[in-house]
All heavy atoms as atom14 arrays in JSON, in Angstrom:
{
  "sequence": "RKMFIRRYWYMSSAKEIAADLGASESMVNVTLFRTREKLKKMFEK",
  "atom14_mask": [
    [1, 1, 1, 1, 1, 1, 1, 1, 1, 1, 1, 0, 0, 0],
    [1, 1, 1, 1, 1, 1, 1, 1, 1, 0, 0, 0, 0, 0],
    [1, 1, 1, 1, 1, 1, 1, 1, 0, 0, 0, 0, 0, 0],
    [1, 1, 1, 1, 1, 1, 1, 1, 1, 1, 1, 0, 0, 0],
    [1, 1, 1, 1, 1, 1, 1, 1, 0, 0, 0, 0, 0, 0],
    [1, 1, 1, 1, 1, 1, 1, 1, 1, 1, 1, 0, 0, 0],
    [1, 1, 1, 1, 1, 1, 1, 1, 1, 1, 1, 0, 0, 0],
    [1, 1, 1, 1, 1, 1, 1, 1, 1, 1, 1, 1, 0, 0],
    [1, 1, 1, 1, 1, 1, 1, 1, 1, 1, 1, 1, 1, 1],
    [1, 1, 1, 1, 1, 1, 1, 1, 1, 1, 1, 1, 0, 0],
    [1, 1, 1, 1, 1, 1, 1, 1, 0, 0, 0, 0, 0, 0],
    [1, 1, 1, 1, 1, 1, 0, 0, 0, 0, 0, 0, 0, 0],
    [1, 1, 1, 1, 1, 1, 0, 0, 0, 0, 0, 0, 0, 0],
    [1, 1, 1, 1, 1, 0, 0, 0, 0, 0, 0, 0, 0, 0],
    [1, 1, 1, 1, 1, 1, 1, 1, 1, 0, 0, 0, 0, 0],
    [1, 1, 1, 1, 1, 1, 1, 1, 1, 0, 0, 0, 0, 0],
    [1, 1, 1, 1, 1, 1, 1, 1, 0, 0, 0, 0, 0, 0],
    [1, 1, 1, 1, 1, 0, 0, 0, 0, 0, 0, 0, 0, 0],
    [1, 1, 1, 1, 1, 0, 0, 0, 0, 0, 0, 0, 0, 0],
    [1, 1, 1, 1, 1, 1, 1, 1, 0, 0, 0, 0, 0, 0],
    [1, 1, 1, 1, 1, 1, 1, 1, 0, 0, 0, 0, 0, 0],
    [1, 1, 1, 1, 0, 0, 0, 0, 0, 0, 0, 0, 0, 0],
    [1, 1, 1, 1, 1, 0, 0, 0, 0, 0, 0, 0, 0, 0],
    [1, 1, 1, 1, 1, 1, 0, 0, 0, 0, 0, 0, 0, 0],
    [1, 1, 1, 1, 1, 1, 1, 1, 1, 0, 0, 0, 0, 0],
    [1, 1, 1, 1, 1, 1, 0, 0, 0, 0, 0, 0, 0, 0],
    [1, 1, 1, 1, 1, 1, 1, 1, 0, 0, 0, 0, 0, 0],
    [1, 1, 1, 1, 1, 1, 1, 0, 0, 0, 0, 0, 0, 0],
    [1, 1, 1, 1, 1, 1, 1, 1, 0, 0, 0, 0, 0, 0],
    [1, 1, 1, 1, 1, 1, 1, 0, 0, 0, 0, 0, 0, 0],
    [1, 1, 1, 1, 1, 1, 1, 0, 0, 0, 0, 0, 0, 0],
    [1, 1, 1, 1, 1, 1, 1, 1, 0, 0, 0, 0, 0, 0],
    [1, 1, 1, 1, 1, 1, 1, 1, 1, 1, 1, 0, 0, 0],
    [1, 1, 1, 1, 1, 1, 1, 1, 1, 1, 1, 0, 0, 0],
    [1, 1, 1, 1, 1, 1, 1, 0, 0, 0, 0, 0, 0, 0],
    [1, 1, 1, 1, 1, 1, 1, 1, 1, 1, 1, 0, 0, 0],
    [1, 1, 1, 1, 1, 1, 1, 1, 1, 0, 0, 0, 0, 0],
    [1, 1, 1, 1, 1, 1, 1, 1, 1, 0, 0, 0, 0, 0],
    [1, 1, 1, 1, 1, 1, 1, 1, 0, 0, 0, 0, 0, 0],
    [1, 1, 1, 1, 1, 1, 1, 1, 1, 0, 0, 0, 0, 0],
    [1, 1, 1, 1, 1, 1, 1, 1, 1, 0, 0, 0, 0, 0],
    [1, 1, 1, 1, 1, 1, 1, 1, 0, 0, 0, 0, 0, 0],
    [1, 1, 1, 1, 1, 1, 1, 1, 1, 1, 1, 0, 0, 0],
    [1, 1, 1, 1, 1, 1, 1, 1, 1, 0, 0, 0, 0, 0],
    [1, 1, 1, 1, 1, 1, 1, 1, 1, 0, 0, 0, 0, 0]
  ],
  "atom14_positions": [
    [[-3.06, 4.06, 5.21], [-1.84, 4.33, 5.91], [-1.19, 3.03, 6.47], [0.0, 2.82, 6.35], [-2.07, 5.31, 7.05], [-0.8, 5.76, 7.76], [-1.0, 6.85, 8.79], [-2.14, 6.64, 9.68], [-3.23, 7.35, 9.73], [-3.44, 8.31, 8.89], [-4.21, 7.05, 10.61], [0.0, 0.0, 0.0], [0.0, 0.0, 0.0], [0.0, 0.0, 0.0]],
    [[-2.04, 2.18, 6.99], [-1.55, 0.88, 7.51], [-0.97, 0.04, 6.38], [0.12, -0.53, 6.54], [-2.67, 0.07, 8.14], [-3.05, 0.52, 9.54], [-4.12, -0.35, 10.1], [-4.51, 0.11, 11.51], [-5.54, -0.73, 12.14], [0.0, 0.0, 0.0], [0.0, 0.0, 0.0], [0.0, 0.0, 0.0], [0.0, 0.0, 0.0], [0.0, 0.0, 0.0]],
    [[-1.62, 0.02, 5.21], [-1.07, -0.71, 4.07], [0.31, -0.11, 3.67], [1.25, -0.88, 3.46], [-2.01, -0.62, 2.86], [-3.23, -1.45, 2.95], [-4.16, -1.2, 1.42], [-5.78, -1.81, 1.98], [0.0, 0.0, 0.0], [0.0, 0.0, 0.0], [0.0, 0.0, 0.0], [0.0, 0.0, 0.0], [0.0, 0.0, 0.0], [0.0, 0.0, 0.0]],
    [[0.36, 1.15, 3.57], [1.58, 1.85, 3.13], [2.74, 1.57, 4.11], [3.85, 1.23, 3.69], [1.34, 3.35, 2.97], [2.4, 4.08, 2.25], [2.4, 4.19, 0.89], [3.46, 4.7, 2.94], [3.39, 4.91, 0.19], [4.43, 5.42, 2.27], [4.41, 5.49, 0.9], [0.0, 0.0, 0.0], [0.0, 0.0, 0.0], [0.0, 0.0, 0.0]],
    [[2.49, 1.71, 5.37], [3.52, 1.49, 6.37], [3.95, 0.04, 6.44], [5.12, -0.26, 6.54], [3.06, 2.08, 7.73], [3.04, 3.56, 7.69], [4.01, 1.6, 8.87], [2.4, 4.26, 8.86], [0.0, 0.0, 0.0], [0.0, 0.0, 0.0], [0.0, 0.0, 0.0], [0.0, 0.0, 0.0], [0.0, 0.0, 0.0], [0.0, 0.0, 0.0]],
    [[2.94, -0.88, 6.4], [3.29, -2.3, 6.39], [4.15, -2.62, 5.22], [5.11, -3.4, 5.35], [2.02, -3.15, 6.37], [1.23, -3.19, 7.65], [1.79, -4.12, 8.71], [2.1, -5.41, 8.2], [1.25, -6.45, 8.19], [0.01, -6.32, 8.66], [1.63, -7.63, 7.74], [0.0, 0.0, 0.0], [0.0, 0.0, 0.0], [0.0, 0.0, 0.0]],
    [[3.86, -2.1, 4.05], [4.61, -2.43, 2.83], [6.02, -1.77, 2.87], [6.98, -2.45, 2.58], [3.81, -1.96, 1.6], [4.53, -2.27, 0.28], [4.6, -3.74, 0.02], [5.15, -3.96, -1.31], [5.65, -5.08, -1.7], [5.75, -6.12, -0.85], [6.18, -5.23, -2.89], [0.0, 0.0, 0.0], [0.0, 0.0, 0.0], [0.0, 0.0, 0.0]],
    [[6.06, -0.5, 3.17], [7.31, 0.2, 2.92], [8.14, 0.42, 4.17], [9.29, 0.85, 4.07], [7.03, 1.5, 2.18], [6.37, 1.28, 0.89], [5.05, 1.67, 0.65], [7.04, 0.54, -0.09], [4.42, 1.37, -0.56], [6.42, 0.25, -1.3], [5.13, 0.65, -1.52], [4.52, 0.35, -2.73], [0.0, 0.0, 0.0], [0.0, 0.0, 0.0]],
    [[7.59, 0.14, 5.34], [8.44, 0.19, 6.55], [8.78, -1.23, 7.0], [9.89, -1.55, 7.18], [7.76, 0.99, 7.66], [8.55, 0.97, 8.92], [8.35, 0.2, 9.99], [9.7, 1.75, 9.21], [9.32, 0.46, 11.0], [10.18, 1.42, 10.47], [10.44, 2.74, 8.52], [11.25, 2.02, 11.11], [11.53, 3.31, 9.11], [11.93, 2.92, 10.41]],
    [[7.72, -2.05, 7.15], [7.91, -3.41, 7.63], [8.2, -4.4, 6.54], [8.48, -5.57, 6.76], [6.69, -3.85, 8.43], [6.55, -3.07, 9.75], [5.58, -2.13, 9.87], [7.41, -3.29, 10.8], [5.47, -1.38, 11.05], [7.31, -2.61, 11.98], [6.32, -1.6, 12.07], [6.17, -0.9, 13.24], [0.0, 0.0, 0.0], [0.0, 0.0, 0.0]],
    [[8.06, -3.97, 5.29], [8.35, -4.78, 4.08], [7.52, -6.03, 4.01], [7.96, -7.1, 3.63], [9.84, -5.07, 4.05], [10.69, -3.87, 4.11], [12.01, -3.84, 2.95], [12.65, -2.21, 3.19], [0.0, 0.0, 0.0], [0.0, 0.0, 0.0], [0.0, 0.0, 0.0], [0.0, 0.0, 0.0], [0.0, 0.0, 0.0], [0.0, 0.0, 0.0]],
    [[6.24, -5.92, 4.4], [5.31, -7.02, 4.31], [4.91, -7.2, 2.83], [4.84, -6.21, 2.1], [4.06, -6.77, 5.15], [4.38, -6.61, 6.51], [0.0, 0.0, 0.0], [0.0, 0.0, 0.0], [0.0, 0.0, 0.0], [0.0, 0.0, 0.0], [0.0, 0.0, 0.0], [0.0, 0.0, 0.0], [0.0, 0.0, 0.0], [0.0, 0.0, 0.0]],
    [[4.54, -8.45, 2.5], [4.08, -8.7, 1.15], [2.63, -8.24, 1.03], [1.9, -8.07, 2.05], [4.16, -10.17, 0.81], [3.22, -10.88, 1.59], [0.0, 0.0, 0.0], [0.0, 0.0, 0.0], [0.0, 0.0, 0.0], [0.0, 0.0, 0.0], [0.0, 0.0, 0.0], [0.0, 0.0, 0.0], [0.0, 0.0, 0.0], [0.0, 0.0, 0.0]],
    [[2.15, -8.05, -0.19], [0.78, -7.62, -0.39], [-0.17, -8.73, 0.14], [-1.24, -8.45, 0.66], [0.51, -7.35, -1.87], [0.0, 0.0, 0.0], [0.0, 0.0, 0.0], [0.0, 0.0, 0.0], [0.0, 0.0, 0.0], [0.0, 0.0, 0.0], [0.0, 0.0, 0.0], [0.0, 0.0, 0.0], [0.0, 0.0, 0.0], [0.0, 0.0, 0.0]],
    [[0.24, -9.96, -0.02], [-0.53, -11.11, 0.45], [-0.72, -11.03, 1.99], [-1.82, -11.27, 2.47], [0.14, -12.37, 0.01], [-0.66, -13.64, 0.31], [0.05, -14.87, -0.24], [-0.79, -16.13, -0.04], [-0.18, -17.28, -0.64], [0.0, 0.0, 0.0], [0.0, 0.0, 0.0], [0.0, 0.0, 0.0], [0.0, 0.0, 0.0], [0.0, 0.0, 0.0]],
    [[0.35, -10.76, 2.71], [0.31, -10.66, 4.16], [-0.57, -9.48, 4.61], [-1.38, -9.62, 5.52], [1.7, -10.49, 4.73], [2.63, -11.7, 4.6], [4.08, -11.42, 4.95], [4.56, -10.29, 4.58], [4.69, -12.32, 5.5], [0.0, 0.0, 0.0], [0.0, 0.0, 0.0], [0.0, 0.0, 0.0], [0.0, 0.0, 0.0], [0.0, 0.0, 0.0]],
    [[-0.42, -8.37, 3.94], [-1.22, -7.18, 4.28], [-2.67, -7.49, 4.08], [-3.51, -7.12, 4.86], [-0.72, -5.96, 3.43], [0.71, -5.61, 3.78], [-1.67, -4.77, 3.7], [1.33, -4.61, 2.85], [0.0, 0.0, 0.0], [0.0, 0.0, 0.0], [0.0, 0.0, 0.0], [0.0, 0.0, 0.0], [0.0, 0.0, 0.0], [0.0, 0.0, 0.0]],
    [[-3.02, -8.09, 2.88], [-4.37, -8.41, 2.57], [-4.96, -9.34, 3.64], [-6.11, -9.12, 4.11], [-4.47, -9.09, 1.2], [0.0, 0.0, 0.0], [0.0, 0.0, 0.0], [0.0, 0.0, 0.0], [0.0, 0.0, 0.0], [0.0, 0.0, 0.0], [0.0, 0.0, 0.0], [0.0, 0.0, 0.0], [0.0, 0.0, 0.0], [0.0, 0.0, 0.0]],
    [[-4.27, -10.35, 4.02], [-4.75, -11.3, 5.07], [-5.0, -10.58, 6.4], [-6.01, -10.8, 7.05], [-3.75, -12.45, 5.22], [0.0, 0.0, 0.0], [0.0, 0.0, 0.0], [0.0, 0.0, 0.0], [0.0, 0.0, 0.0], [0.0, 0.0, 0.0], [0.0, 0.0, 0.0], [0.0, 0.0, 0.0], [0.0, 0.0, 0.0], [0.0, 0.0, 0.0]],
    [[-4.08, -9.72, 6.76], [-4.22, -9.03, 8.08], [-5.35, -7.99, 8.07], [-5.94, -7.76, 9.13], [-2.86, -8.35, 8.44], [-1.79, -9.33, 8.79], [-2.08, -10.5, 9.04], [-0.66, -8.91, 8.91], [0.0, 0.0, 0.0], [0.0, 0.0, 0.0], [0.0, 0.0, 0.0], [0.0, 0.0, 0.0], [0.0, 0.0, 0.0], [0.0, 0.0, 0.0]],
    [[-5.56, -7.37, 6.91], [-6.58, -6.31, 6.88], [-7.9, -6.76, 6.3], [-8.83, -5.97, 6.13], [-6.03, -5.08, 6.07], [-4.81, -4.41, 6.65], [-4.35, -3.29, 5.71], [-5.06, -3.91, 8.01], [0.0, 0.0, 0.0], [0.0, 0.0, 0.0], [0.0, 0.0, 0.0], [0.0, 0.0, 0.0], [0.0, 0.0, 0.0], [0.0, 0.0, 0.0]],
    [[-8.0, -8.05, 5.99], [-9.29, -8.52, 5.44], [-9.62, -7.98, 4.08], [-10.74, -7.61, 3.81], [0.0, 0.0, 0.0], [0.0, 0.0, 0.0], [0.0, 0.0, 0.0], [0.0, 0.0, 0.0], [0.0, 0.0, 0.0], [0.0, 0.0, 0.0], [0.0, 0.0, 0.0], [0.0, 0.0, 0.0], [0.0, 0.0, 0.0], [0.0, 0.0, 0.0]],
    [[-8.65, -7.89, 3.23], [-8.8, -7.32, 1.91], [-8.24, -8.3, 0.85], [-7.53, -9.21, 1.23], [-8.12, -5.96, 1.77], [0.0, 0.0, 0.0], [0.0, 0.0, 0.0], [0.0, 0.0, 0.0], [0.0, 0.0, 0.0], [0.0, 0.0, 0.0], [0.0, 0.0, 0.0], [0.0, 0.0, 0.0], [0.0, 0.0, 0.0], [0.0, 0.0, 0.0]],
    [[-8.54, -8.05, -0.42], [-7.94, -8.91, -1.41], [-6.56, -8.38, -1.75], [-6.27, -7.2, -1.57], [-8.83, -8.85, -2.68], [-8.74, -7.61, -3.35], [0.0, 0.0, 0.0], [0.0, 0.0, 0.0], [0.0, 0.0, 0.0], [0.0, 0.0, 0.0], [0.0, 0.0, 0.0], [0.0, 0.0, 0.0], [0.0, 0.0, 0.0], [0.0, 0.0, 0.0]],
    [[-5.74, -9.25, -2.24], [-4.37, -8.88, -2.6], [-4.36, -7.86, -3.71], [-3.58, -6.94, -3.7], [-3.62, -10.13, -3.01], [-2.15, -9.91, -3.21], [-1.36, -11.19, -3.45], [-1.9, -12.3, -3.22], [-0.23, -11.09, -3.99], [0.0, 0.0, 0.0], [0.0, 0.0, 0.0], [0.0, 0.0, 0.0], [0.0, 0.0, 0.0], [0.0, 0.0, 0.0]],
    [[-5.26, -8.01, -4.67], [-5.36, -7.03, -5.81], [-5.76, -5.64, -5.29], [-5.26, -4.64, -5.75], [-6.27, -7.51, -6.89], [-7.55, -7.63, -6.47], [0.0, 0.0, 0.0], [0.0, 0.0, 0.0], [0.0, 0.0, 0.0], [0.0, 0.0, 0.0], [0.0, 0.0, 0.0], [0.0, 0.0, 0.0], [0.0, 0.0, 0.0], [0.0, 0.0, 0.0]],
    [[-6.66, -5.6, -4.3], [-7.05, -4.32, -3.75], [-5.87, -3.64, -3.03], [-5.67, -2.43, -3.14], [-8.22, -4.51, -2.74], [-8.91, -3.22, -2.31], [-8.15, -2.36, -0.93], [-8.87, -3.15, 0.42], [0.0, 0.0, 0.0], [0.0, 0.0, 0.0], [0.0, 0.0, 0.0], [0.0, 0.0, 0.0], [0.0, 0.0, 0.0], [0.0, 0.0, 0.0]],
    [[-5.08, -4.43, -2.34], [-3.9, -3.89, -1.64], [-2.95, -3.36, -2.7], [-2.42, -2.21, -2.56], [-3.22, -4.94, -0.75], [-1.85, -4.48, -0.3], [-4.12, -5.32, 0.4], [0.0, 0.0, 0.0], [0.0, 0.0, 0.0], [0.0, 0.0, 0.0], [0.0, 0.0, 0.0], [0.0, 0.0, 0.0], [0.0, 0.0, 0.0], [0.0, 0.0, 0.0]],
    [[-2.67, -4.07, -3.77], [-1.76, -3.64, -4.82], [-2.26, -2.34, -5.5], [-1.44, -1.43, -5.72], [-1.54, -4.73, -5.86], [-0.62, -5.84, -5.33], [0.31, -5.59, -4.59], [-0.92, -7.06, -5.71], [0.0, 0.0, 0.0], [0.0, 0.0, 0.0], [0.0, 0.0, 0.0], [0.0, 0.0, 0.0], [0.0, 0.0, 0.0], [0.0, 0.0, 0.0]],
    [[-3.54, -2.27, -5.78], [-4.09, -1.09, -6.42], [-3.98, 0.1, -5.47], [-3.61, 1.18, -5.89], [-5.56, -1.34, -6.89], [-6.22, -0.05, -7.26], [-5.55, -2.33, -8.05], [0.0, 0.0, 0.0], [0.0, 0.0, 0.0], [0.0, 0.0, 0.0], [0.0, 0.0, 0.0], [0.0, 0.0, 0.0], [0.0, 0.0, 0.0], [0.0, 0.0, 0.0]],
    [[-4.31, -0.11, -4.2], [-4.28, 0.97, -3.22], [-2.89, 1.46, -3.08], [-2.64, 2.68, -3.02], [-4.86, 0.51, -1.87], [-6.19, 0.04, -2.04], [-4.79, 1.56, -0.82], [0.0, 0.0, 0.0], [0.0, 0.0, 0.0], [0.0, 0.0, 0.0], [0.0, 0.0, 0.0], [0.0, 0.0, 0.0], [0.0, 0.0, 0.0], [0.0, 0.0, 0.0]],
    [[-1.89, 0.55, -3.0], [-0.52, 0.98, -2.85], [-0.01, 1.75, -4.09], [0.68, 2.77, -3.99], [0.42, -0.22, -2.61], [0.24, -0.86, -1.28], [1.01, -2.17, -1.15], [0.7, 0.08, -0.12], [0.0, 0.0, 0.0], [0.0, 0.0, 0.0], [0.0, 0.0, 0.0], [0.0, 0.0, 0.0], [0.0, 0.0, 0.0], [0.0, 0.0, 0.0]],
    [[-0.44, 1.31, -5.25], [-0.06, 2.03, -6.54], [-0.6, 3.43, -6.52], [0.07, 4.4, -6.75], [-0.53, 1.24, -7.73], [-0.34, 1.99, -9.03], [0.94, 1.97, -9.59], [-1.35, 2.66, -9.64], [1.18, 2.67, -10.83], [-1.14, 3.36, -10.8], [0.17, 3.35, -11.36], [0.0, 0.0, 0.0], [0.0, 0.0, 0.0], [0.0, 0.0, 0.0]],
    [[-1.88, 3.54, -6.18], [-2.54, 4.88, -6.19], [-1.91, 5.79, -5.1], [-1.78, 6.99, -5.33], [-4.06, 4.72, -5.96], [-4.74, 4.14, -7.17], [-6.2, 3.95, -6.95], [-6.87, 3.41, -8.13], [-8.04, 2.83, -8.15], [-8.74, 2.71, -7.01], [-8.54, 2.31, -9.23], [0.0, 0.0, 0.0], [0.0, 0.0, 0.0], [0.0, 0.0, 0.0]],
    [[-1.59, 5.18, -3.98], [-1.0, 5.93, -2.89], [0.38, 6.47, -3.3], [0.77, 7.61, -3.04], [-0.88, 5.14, -1.61], [-2.21, 4.63, -1.28], [-0.38, 5.91, -0.4], [0.0, 0.0, 0.0], [0.0, 0.0, 0.0], [0.0, 0.0, 0.0], [0.0, 0.0, 0.0], [0.0, 0.0, 0.0], [0.0, 0.0, 0.0], [0.0, 0.0, 0.0]],
    [[1.19, 5.62, -3.95], [2.53, 6.06, -4.45], [2.34, 7.22, -5.48], [3.13, 8.17, -5.43], [3.26, 4.91, -5.06], [3.76, 3.92, -4.12], [4.75, 2.89, -4.75], [4.31, 2.3, -5.97], [3.61, 1.18, -6.1], [3.26, 0.51, -5.02], [3.26, 0.71, -7.31], [0.0, 0.0, 0.0], [0.0, 0.0, 0.0], [0.0, 0.0, 0.0]],
    [[1.35, 7.13, -6.33], [1.11, 8.17, -7.31], [0.73, 9.47, -6.6], [1.22, 10.55, -7.02], [-0.01, 7.73, -8.3], [0.44, 6.67, -9.24], [1.59, 7.09, -10.14], [1.49, 8.14, -10.78], [2.58, 6.35, -10.22], [0.0, 0.0, 0.0], [0.0, 0.0, 0.0], [0.0, 0.0, 0.0], [0.0, 0.0, 0.0], [0.0, 0.0, 0.0]],
    [[-0.12, 9.41, -5.62], [-0.47, 10.61, -4.83], [0.71, 11.2, -4.15], [0.9, 12.42, -4.1], [-1.54, 10.28, -3.78], [-2.89, 10.01, -4.33], [-3.9, 9.62, -3.24], [-5.21, 9.17, -3.78], [-6.1, 8.69, -2.71], [0.0, 0.0, 0.0], [0.0, 0.0, 0.0], [0.0, 0.0, 0.0], [0.0, 0.0, 0.0], [0.0, 0.0, 0.0]],
    [[1.59, 10.38, -3.6], [2.78, 10.86, -2.9], [3.7, 11.54, -3.96], [4.25, 12.63, -3.66], [3.54, 9.71, -2.22], [4.8, 10.08, -1.51], [4.59, 11.16, -0.42], [5.41, 8.8, -0.86], [0.0, 0.0, 0.0], [0.0, 0.0, 0.0], [0.0, 0.0, 0.0], [0.0, 0.0, 0.0], [0.0, 0.0, 0.0], [0.0, 0.0, 0.0]],
    [[3.85, 10.94, -5.07], [4.71, 11.54, -6.13], [4.17, 12.92, -6.48], [4.94, 13.88, -6.58], [4.72, 10.62, -7.35], [5.55, 11.11, -8.49], [5.48, 10.11, -9.63], [6.32, 10.59, -10.81], [6.27, 9.65, -11.94], [0.0, 0.0, 0.0], [0.0, 0.0, 0.0], [0.0, 0.0, 0.0], [0.0, 0.0, 0.0], [0.0, 0.0, 0.0]],
    [[2.83, 13.01, -6.66], [2.27, 14.32, -7.01], [2.45, 15.34, -5.92], [2.68, 16.52, -6.16], [0.76, 14.17, -7.37], [0.52, 13.47, -8.66], [-0.94, 13.27, -8.94], [-1.14, 12.5, -10.22], [-2.51, 12.13, -10.47], [0.0, 0.0, 0.0], [0.0, 0.0, 0.0], [0.0, 0.0, 0.0], [0.0, 0.0, 0.0], [0.0, 0.0, 0.0]],
    [[2.39, 14.88, -4.66], [2.56, 15.82, -3.54], [3.99, 16.35, -3.51], [4.19, 17.51, -3.3], [2.22, 15.11, -2.21], [2.22, 16.02, -1.02], [1.59, 15.17, 0.41], [1.5, 16.54, 1.59], [0.0, 0.0, 0.0], [0.0, 0.0, 0.0], [0.0, 0.0, 0.0], [0.0, 0.0, 0.0], [0.0, 0.0, 0.0], [0.0, 0.0, 0.0]],
    [[4.97, 15.48, -3.74], [6.35, 15.9, -3.79], [6.58, 16.9, -4.92], [7.22, 17.94, -4.77], [7.33, 14.75, -3.87], [7.7, 14.11, -2.58], [7.45, 12.78, -2.4], [8.27, 14.84, -1.56], [7.77, 12.15, -1.21], [8.58, 14.24, -0.37], [8.34, 12.9, -0.17], [0.0, 0.0, 0.0], [0.0, 0.0, 0.0], [0.0, 0.0, 0.0]],
    [[6.0, 16.62, -6.11], [6.15, 17.5, -7.22], [5.46, 18.85, -6.94], [6.03, 19.92, -7.27], [5.56, 16.81, -8.49], [6.37, 15.68, -9.0], [5.71, 14.89, -10.08], [4.48, 15.08, -10.36], [6.4, 14.04, -10.66], [0.0, 0.0, 0.0], [0.0, 0.0, 0.0], [0.0, 0.0, 0.0], [0.0, 0.0, 0.0], [0.0, 0.0, 0.0]],
    [[4.3, 18.83, -6.3], [3.59, 20.08, -5.95], [4.4, 20.92, -5.02], [4.39, 22.14, -5.06], [2.25, 19.69, -5.33], [1.42, 20.87, -4.9], [0.12, 20.4, -4.29], [-0.62, 21.58, -3.64], [-1.69, 21.14, -2.81], [0.0, 0.0, 0.0], [0.0, 0.0, 0.0], [0.0, 0.0, 0.0], [0.0, 0.0, 0.0], [0.0, 0.0, 0.0]]
  ]
}
């Protein structure tokens, strides 16, 4: 949720989010992609 809000509300870069949350940039990108896919499925459902 923090990643999603930081990216899509505060418009932080994946690099900034990764640094703040102690994660890799690729992990942030993958998590955001999967989260967007889940959201899309929820809207369709």
